[in-house]
């Protein structure tokens, strides 16, 4: 009786094992820890908040439209 080889099954098993290893490596990879200045980021957000508040209470377009009506 001749011996047959299950080549497709062998390739599939190797690919499954390789994918499993790469998935484990990807999930356990730790990101690079960078030195971040938290106080500078907080100050940047505060500056953006301060800049955004006065812009909302702008009533210049209403006064301009009244002048156009008077002429």
C-alpha atoms as a PDB file:
ATOM      1  CA  UNK A   1       0.000   0.000   0.000  1.00  0.00           C
ATOM      2  CA  UNK A   2       1.346   3.385  -1.006  1.00  0.00           C
ATOM      3  CA  UNK A   3       1.866   6.238   1.442  1.00  0.00           C
ATOM      4  CA  UNK A   4       0.036   9.475   0.675  1.00  0.00           C
ATOM      5  CA  UNK A   5       1.050  12.826   2.046  1.00  0.00           C
ATOM      6  CA  UNK A   6      -1.491  15.395   3.133  1.00  0.00           C
ATOM      7  CA  UNK A   7       0.370  18.404   1.761  1.00  0.00           C
ATOM      8  CA  UNK A   8      -2.527  20.859   1.915  1.00  0.00           C
ATOM      9  CA  UNK A   9      -3.210  19.972   5.549  1.00  0.00           C
ATOM     10  CA  UNK A  10       0.470  20.458   6.361  1.00  0.00           C
ATOM     11  CA  UNK A  11       0.518  23.908   4.774  1.00  0.00           C
ATOM     12  CA  UNK A  12      -2.690  24.836   6.596  1.00  0.00           C
ATOM     13  CA  UNK A  13      -1.303  23.722   9.958  1.00  0.00           C
ATOM     14  CA  UNK A  14       1.883  25.740   9.434  1.00  0.00           C
ATOM     15  CA  UNK A  15      -0.088  28.850   8.470  1.00  0.00           C
ATOM     16  CA  UNK A  16      -2.376  28.519  11.490  1.00  0.00           C
ATOM     17  CA  UNK A  17       0.635  28.200  13.792  1.00  0.00           C
ATOM     18  CA  UNK A  18       2.385  31.166  12.174  1.00  0.00           C
ATOM     19  CA  UNK A  19      -0.748  33.327  12.461  1.00  0.00           C
ATOM     20  CA  UNK A  20      -1.170  32.331  16.100  1.00  0.00           C
ATOM     21  CA  UNK A  21       2.409  33.314  16.913  1.00  0.00           C
ATOM     22  CA  UNK A  22       2.138  36.668  15.122  1.00  0.00           C
ATOM     23  CA  UNK A  23      -1.179  37.442  16.859  1.00  0.00           C
ATOM     24  CA  UNK A  24       0.334  36.702  20.269  1.00  0.00           C
ATOM     25  CA  UNK A  25       3.369  38.862  19.478  1.00  0.00           C
ATOM     26  CA  UNK A  26       1.153  41.711  18.262  1.00  0.00           C
ATOM     27  CA  UNK A  27      -1.065  41.602  21.350  1.00  0.00           C
ATOM     28  CA  UNK A  28       1.835  41.457  23.808  1.00  0.00           C
ATOM     29  CA  UNK A  29       3.770  44.244  22.106  1.00  0.00           C
ATOM     30  CA  UNK A  30       4.197  47.157  24.503  1.00  0.00           C
ATOM     31  CA  UNK A  31       4.215  50.665  23.044  1.00  0.00           C
ATOM     32  CA  UNK A  32       7.210  52.932  23.400  1.00  0.00           C
ATOM     33  CA  UNK A  33       6.917  55.028  26.548  1.00  0.00           C
ATOM     34  CA  UNK A  34       7.560  58.684  25.784  1.00  0.00           C
ATOM     35  CA  UNK A  35       8.243  61.481  28.242  1.00  0.00           C
ATOM     36  CA  UNK A  36       5.181  63.716  28.089  1.00  0.00           C
ATOM     37  CA  UNK A  37       4.896  67.069  29.854  1.00  0.00           C
ATOM     38  CA  UNK A  38       1.367  66.889  31.273  1.00  0.00           C
ATOM     39  CA  UNK A  39       1.444  70.444  32.622  1.00  0.00           C
ATOM     40  CA  UNK A  40       2.228  71.850  29.162  1.00  0.00           C
ATOM     41  CA  UNK A  41      -0.707  69.947  27.673  1.00  0.00           C
ATOM     42  CA  UNK A  42      -3.051  71.250  30.396  1.00  0.00           C
ATOM     43  CA  UNK A  43      -1.857  74.814  29.761  1.00  0.00           C
ATOM     44  CA  UNK A  44      -2.481  74.362  26.043  1.00  0.00           C
ATOM     45  CA  UNK A  45      -6.075  73.260  26.686  1.00  0.00           C
ATOM     46  CA  UNK A  46      -6.660  76.210  29.025  1.00  0.00           C
ATOM     47  CA  UNK A  47      -5.378  78.594  26.344  1.00  0.00           C
ATOM     48  CA  UNK A  48      -7.772  77.091  23.800  1.00  0.00           C
ATOM     49  CA  UNK A  49     -10.704  77.421  26.227  1.00  0.00           C
ATOM     50  CA  UNK A  50      -9.862  81.063  26.961  1.00  0.00           C
ATOM     51  CA  UNK A  51      -9.608  81.846  23.261  1.00  0.00           C
ATOM     52  CA  UNK A  52     -12.909  80.119  22.423  1.00  0.00           C
ATOM     53  CA  UNK A  53     -15.075  81.860  25.073  1.00  0.00           C
ATOM     54  CA  UNK A  54     -14.826  85.512  23.839  1.00  0.00           C
ATOM     55  CA  UNK A  55     -15.519  84.501  20.240  1.00  0.00           C
ATOM     56  CA  UNK A  56     -18.982  83.163  21.141  1.00  0.00           C
ATOM     57  CA  UNK A  57     -20.264  86.485  22.569  1.00  0.00           C
ATOM     58  CA  UNK A  58     -19.603  88.572  19.491  1.00  0.00           C
ATOM     59  CA  UNK A  59     -22.445  91.022  18.799  1.00  0.00           C
ATOM     60  CA  UNK A  60     -20.752  93.000  16.034  1.00  0.00           C
ATOM     61  CA  UNK A  61     -22.938  91.641  13.186  1.00  0.00           C
ATOM     62  CA  UNK A  62     -26.135  92.906  14.898  1.00  0.00           C
ATOM     63  CA  UNK A  63     -24.775  96.472  15.206  1.00  0.00           C
ATOM     64  CA  UNK A  64     -23.636  96.420  11.593  1.00  0.00           C
ATOM     65  CA  UNK A  65     -27.089  95.408  10.380  1.00  0.00           C
ATOM     66  CA  UNK A  66     -28.715  98.308  12.347  1.00  0.00           C
ATOM     67  CA  UNK A  67     -26.392 100.809  10.658  1.00  0.00           C
ATOM     68  CA  UNK A  68     -27.369  99.429   7.262  1.00  0.00           C
ATOM     69  CA  UNK A  69     -31.070  99.920   8.079  1.00  0.00           C
ATOM     70  CA  UNK A  70     -30.547 103.570   9.181  1.00  0.00           C
ATOM     71  CA  UNK A  71     -28.872 104.571   5.895  1.00  0.00           C
END
